Amino acid sequence: MTSIGTGYDLSASTYSPDGRIFQVEYATKAVENSGTAIGVKVNDGIVLAVEKLIHSKLLVPEANRRIQTIDRHIGLATAGLLADGRNITTRARDEAVNYREAYNAPTPLKILADRLGLYVQAYTLYSSVRPFGISTILGAVDKDGPSLYVVEPSGVFFGYNGAAVGKGRQLAKTELEKLKLSELTTREAVYEAARIIYLVHEDAKEKEFELELSWIGKETDGVHLPVPKDLHRDAEAKAKAALETFE
């Protein structure tokens, strides 16, 4: 029995006869229309990188960032609808503040990912709301060391050593799998993340983009910060040079 076009995709609260929720699948498609975001967990920290597509030359550089700070030790990168990403960011910050007030301790990333997953999943249960068109990469360095999670539009979340979401996720995942992540430092991971973002952008032949990079680890004393401008420029230069030798 086919369920395409038979009315089962009008509400997120309705299953099709073959057990699918089409609105959640459509939300995943919205993520795939966005630029690529990747997260890398290495032995001494986390690196986040985003391919932020530039839709107009009139936009102010470095505005509308897709990488945000949630807590001192937690960073977040999104792929999908920008406004949905802001909503998720605000919710994540609220959850981090609530945990600190309740337990007087930094929020463990697994707990934050769990709470965000429950929040996102609630928007797949009712016909009066729509699922979030966003996939979220969360990275942190806490008492258990570096950790990386991805929250999908369905509300499910998984832990990763390397993760990619957005339009170029398949190629990015292939490149991440080639790396010996456990042997890299955060500084080396910055160069690899920049190279992968430039590679997936070139593969898609997309419009102009802006590379966003942030990191957490020993280099930053465990604080989530943007990558320094000199390292950022050097990583971009090496990424462009690597494109010329890529086969």
C-alpha atoms as a PDB file:
ATOM      1  CA  MET A   1       0.000   0.000   0.000  1.00  0.00           C
ATOM      2  CA  THR A   2       1.384   3.377  -0.958  1.00  0.00           C
ATOM      3  CA  SER A   3       0.970   6.296   1.384  1.00  0.00           C
ATOM      4  CA  ILE A   4       2.568   9.024  -0.721  1.00  0.00           C
ATOM      5  CA  GLY A   5       0.100  11.829  -1.436  1.00  0.00           C
ATOM      6  CA  THR A   6      -2.809  10.206   0.365  1.00  0.00           C
ATOM      7  CA  GLY A   7      -3.111  12.728   3.188  1.00  0.00           C
ATOM      8  CA  TYR A   8      -0.827  11.077   5.722  1.00  0.00           C
ATOM      9  CA  ASP A   9       1.704  13.898   5.395  1.00  0.00           C
ATOM     10  CA  LEU A  10      -0.643  16.668   6.571  1.00  0.00           C
ATOM     11  CA  SER A  11       0.128  16.281  10.269  1.00  0.00           C
ATOM     12  CA  ALA A  12       3.088  15.254  12.385  1.00  0.00           C
ATOM     13  CA  SER A  13       0.669  13.365  14.655  1.00  0.00           C
ATOM     14  CA  THR A  14      -0.453  10.928  11.935  1.00  0.00           C
ATOM     15  CA  TYR A  15       1.271   7.691  10.986  1.00  0.00           C
ATOM     16  CA  SER A  16       1.075   6.379   7.442  1.00  0.00           C
ATOM     17  CA  PRO A  17      -0.046   2.747   6.987  1.00  0.00           C
ATOM     18  CA  ASP A  18       3.593   1.679   6.647  1.00  0.00           C
ATOM     19  CA  GLY A  19       4.567   3.335   9.930  1.00  0.00           C
ATOM     20  CA  ARG A  20       6.170   6.544   8.684  1.00  0.00           C
ATOM     21  CA  ILE A  21       5.706  10.123   9.902  1.00  0.00           C
ATOM     22  CA  PHE A  22       6.172  12.197   6.776  1.00  0.00           C
ATOM     23  CA  GLN A  23       6.410  15.597   8.476  1.00  0.00           C
ATOM     24  CA  VAL A  24       9.505  14.403  10.355  1.00  0.00           C
ATOM     25  CA  GLU A  25      10.996  13.141   7.087  1.00  0.00           C
ATOM     26  CA  TYR A  26      10.259  16.500   5.458  1.00  0.00           C
ATOM     27  CA  ALA A  27      12.016  18.249   8.364  1.00  0.00           C
ATOM     28  CA  THR A  28      15.072  16.112   7.625  1.00  0.00           C
ATOM     29  CA  LYS A  29      14.902  17.313   3.998  1.00  0.00           C
ATOM     30  CA  ALA A  30      14.943  20.916   5.257  1.00  0.00           C
ATOM     31  CA  VAL A  31      18.227  20.125   7.012  1.00  0.00           C
ATOM     32  CA  GLU A  32      19.652  18.754   3.757  1.00  0.00           C
ATOM     33  CA  ASN A  33      18.923  22.086   2.027  1.00  0.00           C
ATOM     34  CA  SER A  34      21.304  23.821   4.406  1.00  0.00           C
ATOM     35  CA  GLY A  35      25.071  24.175   4.426  1.00  0.00           C
ATOM     36  CA  THR A  36      27.134  21.418   6.016  1.00  0.00           C
ATOM     37  CA  ALA A  37      28.087  21.369   9.710  1.00  0.00           C
ATOM     38  CA  ILE A  38      30.620  18.979  11.214  1.00  0.00           C
ATOM     39  CA  GLY A  39      31.856  18.143  14.694  1.00  0.00           C
ATOM     40  CA  VAL A  40      35.112  16.375  15.516  1.00  0.00           C
ATOM     41  CA  LYS A  41      36.047  14.777  18.859  1.00  0.00           C
ATOM     42  CA  VAL A  42      39.795  14.340  19.328  1.00  0.00           C
ATOM     43  CA  ASN A  43      41.950  13.300  22.258  1.00  0.00           C
ATOM     44  CA  ASP A  44      42.149  16.760  23.826  1.00  0.00           C
ATOM     45  CA  GLY A  45      38.961  18.504  22.765  1.00  0.00           C
ATOM     46  CA  ILE A  46      36.218  19.299  20.260  1.00  0.00           C
ATOM     47  CA  VAL A  47      36.201  21.235  16.971  1.00  0.00           C
ATOM     48  CA  LEU A  48      33.013  22.517  15.315  1.00  0.00           C
ATOM     49  CA  ALA A  49      32.910  23.783  11.713  1.00  0.00           C
ATOM     50  CA  VAL A  50      30.046  25.142   9.606  1.00  0.00           C
ATOM     51  CA  GLU A  51      29.659  26.014   5.932  1.00  0.00           C
ATOM     52  CA  LYS A  52      27.450  29.101   6.210  1.00  0.00           C
ATOM     53  CA  LEU A  53      26.095  29.849   2.735  1.00  0.00           C
ATOM     54  CA  ILE A  54      26.045  33.528   1.766  1.00  0.00           C
ATOM     55  CA  HIS A  55      22.730  34.331   0.070  1.00  0.00           C
ATOM     56  CA  SER A  56      23.495  38.011  -0.518  1.00  0.00           C
ATOM     57  CA  LYS A  57      26.662  40.080  -0.881  1.00  0.00           C
ATOM     58  CA  LEU A  58      24.965  42.759   1.225  1.00  0.00           C
ATOM     59  CA  LEU A  59      25.018  40.651   4.393  1.00  0.00           C
ATOM     60  CA  VAL A  60      27.291  41.790   7.203  1.00  0.00           C
ATOM     61  CA  PRO A  61      30.245  39.357   7.554  1.00  0.00           C
ATOM     62  CA  GLU A  62      30.134  37.085  10.619  1.00  0.00           C
ATOM     63  CA  ALA A  63      26.454  37.897  11.264  1.00  0.00           C
ATOM     64  CA  ASN A  64      23.777  35.204  11.703  1.00  0.00           C
ATOM     65  CA  ARG A  65      26.250  32.714  13.118  1.00  0.00           C
ATOM     66  CA  ARG A  66      25.380  29.020  13.114  1.00  0.00           C
ATOM     67  CA  ILE A  67      27.833  28.175  15.900  1.00  0.00           C
ATOM     68  CA  GLN A  68      26.729  29.324  19.349  1.00  0.00           C
ATOM     69  CA  THR A  69      27.987  29.047  22.920  1.00  0.00           C
ATOM     70  CA  ILE A  70      25.542  27.330  25.284  1.00  0.00           C
ATOM     71  CA  ASP A  71      27.651  27.258  28.457  1.00  0.00           C
ATOM     72  CA  ARG A  72      31.319  28.033  29.103  1.00  0.00           C
ATOM     73  CA  HIS A  73      32.256  24.472  28.130  1.00  0.00           C
ATOM     74  CA  ILE A  74      29.520  23.698  25.556  1.00  0.00           C
ATOM     75  CA  GLY A  75      29.265  24.706  21.897  1.00  0.00           C
ATOM     76  CA  LEU A  76      26.439  24.121  19.427  1.00  0.00           C
ATOM     77  CA  ALA A  77      26.387  24.029  15.617  1.00  0.00           C
ATOM     78  CA  THR A  78      23.242  23.764  13.502  1.00  0.00           C
ATOM     79  CA  ALA A  79      22.252  22.860   9.952  1.00  0.00           C
ATOM     80  CA  GLY A  80      18.757  23.613   8.685  1.00  0.00           C
ATOM     81  CA  LEU A  81      16.387  26.530   9.247  1.00  0.00           C
ATOM     82  CA  LEU A  82      18.256  29.386  10.922  1.00  0.00           C
ATOM     83  CA  ALA A  83      15.302  30.570  13.030  1.00  0.00           C
ATOM     84  CA  ASP A  84      14.739  27.040  14.337  1.00  0.00           C
ATOM     85  CA  GLY A  85      18.412  26.933  15.263  1.00  0.00           C
ATOM     86  CA  ARG A  86      18.011  30.089  17.343  1.00  0.00           C
ATOM     87  CA  ASN A  87      15.041  28.551  19.139  1.00  0.00           C
ATOM     88  CA  ILE A  88      17.041  25.409  19.945  1.00  0.00           C
ATOM     89  CA  THR A  89      19.971  27.541  21.111  1.00  0.00           C
ATOM     90  CA  THR A  90      17.757  29.510  23.491  1.00  0.00           C
ATOM     91  CA  ARG A  91      16.253  26.301  24.872  1.00  0.00           C
ATOM     92  CA  ALA A  92      19.688  24.734  25.341  1.00  0.00           C
ATOM     93  CA  ARG A  93      20.913  27.800  27.240  1.00  0.00           C
ATOM     94  CA  ASP A  94      17.835  27.693  29.483  1.00  0.00           C
ATOM     95  CA  GLU A  95      18.447  24.015  30.235  1.00  0.00           C
ATOM     96  CA  ALA A  96      22.117  24.690  31.041  1.00  0.00           C
ATOM     97  CA  VAL A  97      21.182  27.549  33.392  1.00  0.00           C
ATOM     98  CA  ASN A  98      18.516  25.433  35.117  1.00  0.00           C
ATOM     99  CA  TYR A  99      21.013  22.614  35.706  1.00  0.00           C
ATOM    100  CA  ARG A 100      23.598  24.988  37.171  1.00  0.00           C
ATOM    101  CA  GLU A 101      21.017  26.534  39.505  1.00  0.00           C
ATOM    102  CA  ALA A 102      19.721  23.130  40.626  1.00  0.00           C
ATOM    103  CA  TYR A 103      23.037  21.298  41.078  1.00  0.00           C
ATOM    104  CA  ASN A 104      25.634  24.108  41.289  1.00  0.00           C
ATOM    105  CA  ALA A 105      27.729  22.324  38.652  1.00  0.00           C
ATOM    106  CA  PRO A 106      28.406  22.554  34.904  1.00  0.00           C
ATOM    107  CA  THR A 107      25.882  20.677  32.759  1.00  0.00           C
ATOM    108  CA  PRO A 108      27.091  17.247  31.523  1.00  0.00           C
ATOM    109  CA  LEU A 109      26.625  17.174  27.771  1.00  0.00           C
ATOM    110  CA  LYS A 110      24.729  13.882  27.787  1.00  0.00           C
ATOM    111  CA  ILE A 111      22.080  15.345  30.079  1.00  0.00           C
ATOM    112  CA  LEU A 112      21.761  18.468  27.917  1.00  0.00           C
ATOM    113  CA  ALA A 113      21.461  16.339  24.748  1.00  0.00           C
ATOM    114  CA  ASP A 114      18.795  14.215  26.452  1.00  0.00           C
ATOM    115  CA  ARG A 115      16.760  17.258  27.478  1.00  0.00           C
ATOM    116  CA  LEU A 116      17.058  18.845  24.026  1.00  0.00           C
ATOM    117  CA  GLY A 117      16.045  15.558  22.415  1.00  0.00           C
ATOM    118  CA  LEU A 118      12.902  15.407  24.559  1.00  0.00           C
ATOM    119  CA  TYR A 119      12.088  19.020  23.657  1.00  0.00           C
ATOM    120  CA  VAL A 120      12.511  18.389  19.915  1.00  0.00           C
ATOM    121  CA  GLN A 121      10.561  15.119  20.102  1.00  0.00           C
ATOM    122  CA  ALA A 122       7.582  16.895  21.710  1.00  0.00           C
ATOM    123  CA  TYR A 123       7.163  18.850  18.458  1.00  0.00           C
ATOM    124  CA  THR A 124       6.552  15.605  16.559  1.00  0.00           C
ATOM    125  CA  LEU A 125       3.544  14.601  18.681  1.00  0.00           C
ATOM    126  CA  TYR A 126       0.903  17.241  17.963  1.00  0.00           C
ATOM    127  CA  SER A 127      -0.916  18.408  14.849  1.00  0.00           C
ATOM    128  CA  SER A 128      -0.845  22.029  16.075  1.00  0.00           C
ATOM    129  CA  VAL A 129       2.955  22.319  15.745  1.00  0.00           C
ATOM    130  CA  ARG A 130       5.565  21.314  13.186  1.00  0.00           C
ATOM    131  CA  PRO A 131       8.835  19.449  13.746  1.00  0.00           C
ATOM    132  CA  PHE A 132      12.038  21.473  13.930  1.00  0.00           C
ATOM    133  CA  GLY A 133      13.801  21.664  10.572  1.00  0.00           C
ATOM    134  CA  ILE A 134      17.164  21.511  12.259  1.00  0.00           C
ATOM    135  CA  SER A 135      19.912  19.043  13.135  1.00  0.00           C
ATOM    136  CA  THR A 136      22.054  20.086  16.067  1.00  0.00           C
ATOM    137  CA  ILE A 137      25.663  19.147  16.859  1.00  0.00           C
ATOM    138  CA  LEU A 138      26.579  19.586  20.523  1.00  0.00           C
ATOM    139  CA  GLY A 139      30.196  19.481  21.679  1.00  0.00           C
ATOM    140  CA  ALA A 140      31.714  19.871  25.138  1.00  0.00           C
ATOM    141  CA  VAL A 141      34.656  19.097  27.372  1.00  0.00           C
ATOM    142  CA  ASP A 142      33.382  18.212  30.847  1.00  0.00           C
ATOM    143  CA  LYS A 143      34.488  16.041  33.785  1.00  0.00           C
ATOM    144  CA  ASP A 144      34.272  12.938  31.551  1.00  0.00           C
ATOM    145  CA  GLY A 145      36.431  14.484  28.833  1.00  0.00           C
ATOM    146  CA  PRO A 146      35.443  15.513  25.279  1.00  0.00           C
ATOM    147  CA  SER A 147      31.976  14.462  24.085  1.00  0.00           C
ATOM    148  CA  LEU A 148      29.967  15.024  20.915  1.00  0.00           C
ATOM    149  CA  TYR A 149      26.248  14.479  20.261  1.00  0.00           C
ATOM    150  CA  VAL A 150      23.822  15.062  17.392  1.00  0.00           C
ATOM    151  CA  VAL A 151      20.114  15.756  17.952  1.00  0.00           C
ATOM    152  CA  GLU A 152      17.990  14.948  14.889  1.00  0.00           C
ATOM    153  CA  PRO A 153      14.588  16.497  13.921  1.00  0.00           C
ATOM    154  CA  SER A 154      12.855  13.362  15.267  1.00  0.00           C
ATOM    155  CA  GLY A 155      14.297  14.037  18.733  1.00  0.00           C
ATOM    156  CA  VAL A 156      16.650  11.046  18.676  1.00  0.00           C
ATOM    157  CA  PHE A 157      20.237  11.770  19.699  1.00  0.00           C
ATOM    158  CA  PHE A 158      23.462   9.818  19.366  1.00  0.00           C
ATOM    159  CA  GLY A 159      27.023  10.188  20.609  1.00  0.00           C
ATOM    160  CA  TYR A 160      29.743  10.425  17.948  1.00  0.00           C
ATOM    161  CA  ASN A 161      33.490  10.656  17.491  1.00  0.00           C
ATOM    162  CA  GLY A 162      32.922  12.581  14.263  1.00  0.00           C
ATOM    163  CA  ALA A 163      29.585  13.862  12.950  1.00  0.00           C
ATOM    164  CA  ALA A 164      28.280  15.675   9.880  1.00  0.00           C
ATOM    165  CA  VAL A 165      24.838  17.108   9.073  1.00  0.00           C
ATOM    166  CA  GLY A 166      23.478  19.157   6.198  1.00  0.00           C
ATOM    167  CA  LYS A 167      23.746  18.963   2.425  1.00  0.00           C
ATOM    168  CA  GLY A 168      27.268  17.545   2.203  1.00  0.00           C
ATOM    169  CA  ARG A 169      27.022  15.119   5.130  1.00  0.00           C
ATOM    170  CA  GLN A 170      27.765  11.951   3.124  1.00  0.00           C
ATOM    171  CA  LEU A 171      31.056  13.188   1.671  1.00  0.00           C
ATOM    172  CA  ALA A 172      31.973  14.783   5.001  1.00  0.00           C
ATOM    173  CA  LYS A 173      31.341  11.499   6.851  1.00  0.00           C
ATOM    174  CA  THR A 174      33.479   9.644   4.317  1.00  0.00           C
ATOM    175  CA  GLU A 175      36.353  12.074   4.909  1.00  0.00           C
ATOM    176  CA  LEU A 176      35.924  11.921   8.695  1.00  0.00           C
ATOM    177  CA  GLU A 177      36.106   8.124   8.611  1.00  0.00           C
ATOM    178  CA  LYS A 178      39.544   8.358   6.961  1.00  0.00           C
ATOM    179  CA  LEU A 179      40.959  10.285   9.928  1.00  0.00           C
ATOM    180  CA  LYS A 180      42.540   8.755  13.026  1.00  0.00           C
ATOM    181  CA  LEU A 181      40.601  11.074  15.304  1.00  0.00           C
ATOM    182  CA  SER A 182      41.964   9.689  18.566  1.00  0.00           C
ATOM    183  CA  GLU A 183      45.496  10.642  17.473  1.00  0.00           C
ATOM    184  CA  LEU A 184      44.735  14.235  16.437  1.00  0.00           C
ATOM    185  CA  THR A 185      45.099  17.381  18.532  1.00  0.00           C
ATOM    186  CA  THR A 186      42.479  20.143  18.415  1.00  0.00           C
ATOM    187  CA  ARG A 187      44.827  22.319  16.361  1.00  0.00           C
ATOM    188  CA  GLU A 188      45.277  19.553  13.786  1.00  0.00           C
ATOM    189  CA  ALA A 189      41.516  18.936  13.822  1.00  0.00           C
ATOM    190  CA  VAL A 190      40.898  22.590  12.930  1.00  0.00           C
ATOM    191  CA  TYR A 191      42.881  22.129   9.709  1.00  0.00           C
ATOM    192  CA  GLU A 192      41.063  18.886   8.901  1.00  0.00           C
ATOM    193  CA  ALA A 193      37.630  20.403   9.601  1.00  0.00           C
ATOM    194  CA  ALA A 194      38.358  23.384   7.339  1.00  0.00           C
ATOM    195  CA  ARG A 195      39.607  21.059   4.582  1.00  0.00           C
ATOM    196  CA  ILE A 196      36.460  18.920   4.761  1.00  0.00           C
ATOM    197  CA  ILE A 197      34.113  21.927   4.674  1.00  0.00           C
ATOM    198  CA  TYR A 198      35.881  23.338   1.603  1.00  0.00           C
ATOM    199  CA  LEU A 199      35.796  19.909  -0.019  1.00  0.00           C
ATOM    200  CA  VAL A 200      32.045  19.388   0.410  1.00  0.00           C
ATOM    201  CA  HIS A 201      31.353  22.942  -0.709  1.00  0.00           C
ATOM    202  CA  GLU A 202      33.382  22.452  -3.885  1.00  0.00           C
ATOM    203  CA  ASP A 203      31.645  19.138  -4.529  1.00  0.00           C
ATOM    204  CA  ALA A 204      28.176  20.736  -4.370  1.00  0.00           C
ATOM    205  CA  LYS A 205      29.202  23.723  -6.542  1.00  0.00           C
ATOM    206  CA  GLU A 206      27.261  25.973  -4.191  1.00  0.00           C
ATOM    207  CA  LYS A 207      27.280  29.767  -3.932  1.00  0.00           C
ATOM    208  CA  GLU A 208      29.742  31.703  -1.781  1.00  0.00           C
ATOM    209  CA  PHE A 209      30.099  30.681   1.836  1.00  0.00           C
ATOM    210  CA  GLU A 210      31.668  31.727   5.097  1.00  0.00           C
ATOM    211  CA  LEU A 211      33.591  29.205   7.182  1.00  0.00           C
ATOM    212  CA  GLU A 212      32.806  29.207  10.900  1.00  0.00           C
ATOM    213  CA  LEU A 213      35.195  27.430  13.266  1.00  0.00           C
ATOM    214  CA  SER A 214      35.180  27.003  17.037  1.00  0.00           C
ATOM    215  CA  TRP A 215      36.947  24.753  19.516  1.00  0.00           C
ATOM    216  CA  ILE A 216      36.985  23.551  23.120  1.00  0.00           C
ATOM    217  CA  GLY A 217      39.941  21.907  24.806  1.00  0.00           C
ATOM    218  CA  LYS A 218      43.377  22.424  26.327  1.00  0.00           C
ATOM    219  CA  GLU A 219      44.094  25.268  23.909  1.00  0.00           C
ATOM    220  CA  THR A 220      41.153  27.202  25.400  1.00  0.00           C
ATOM    221  CA  ASP A 221      41.301  25.953  29.022  1.00  0.00           C
ATOM    222  CA  GLY A 222      38.063  24.041  28.457  1.00  0.00           C
ATOM    223  CA  VAL A 223      36.105  27.096  27.263  1.00  0.00           C
ATOM    224  CA  HIS A 224      34.159  27.170  23.982  1.00  0.00           C
ATOM    225  CA  LEU A 225      35.672  29.915  21.820  1.00  0.00           C
ATOM    226  CA  PRO A 226      35.962  30.874  18.147  1.00  0.00           C
ATOM    227  CA  VAL A 227      39.200  29.710  16.545  1.00  0.00           C
ATOM    228  CA  PRO A 228      41.750  32.604  16.602  1.00  0.00           C
ATOM    229  CA  LYS A 229      41.750  34.631  13.392  1.00  0.00           C
ATOM    230  CA  ASP A 230      45.346  33.823  12.466  1.00  0.00           C
ATOM    231  CA  LEU A 231      44.741  30.077  12.809  1.00  0.00           C
ATOM    232  CA  HIS A 232      41.413  30.475  10.981  1.00  0.00           C
ATOM    233  CA  ARG A 233      43.100  32.196   8.021  1.00  0.00           C
ATOM    234  CA  ASP A 234      45.890  29.604   7.940  1.00  0.00           C
ATOM    235  CA  ALA A 235      43.361  26.722   8.020  1.00  0.00           C
ATOM    236  CA  GLU A 236      41.402  28.296   5.147  1.00  0.00           C
ATOM    237  CA  ALA A 237      44.551  28.800   3.079  1.00  0.00           C
ATOM    238  CA  LYS A 238      45.618  25.177   3.552  1.00  0.00           C
ATOM    239  CA  ALA A 239      42.077  23.968   2.801  1.00  0.00           C
ATOM    240  CA  LYS A 240      42.070  25.850  -0.515  1.00  0.00           C
ATOM    241  CA  ALA A 241      45.500  24.426  -1.366  1.00  0.00           C
ATOM    242  CA  ALA A 242      44.304  20.900  -0.514  1.00  0.00           C
ATOM    243  CA  LEU A 243      41.443  21.260  -3.018  1.00  0.00           C
ATOM    244  CA  GLU A 244      43.927  21.540  -5.862  1.00  0.00           C
ATOM    245  CA  THR A 245      45.549  18.199  -4.972  1.00  0.00           C
ATOM    246  CA  PHE A 246      42.339  16.303  -4.112  1.00  0.00           C
ATOM    247  CA  GLU A 247      41.492  13.499  -6.501  1.00  0.00           C
END
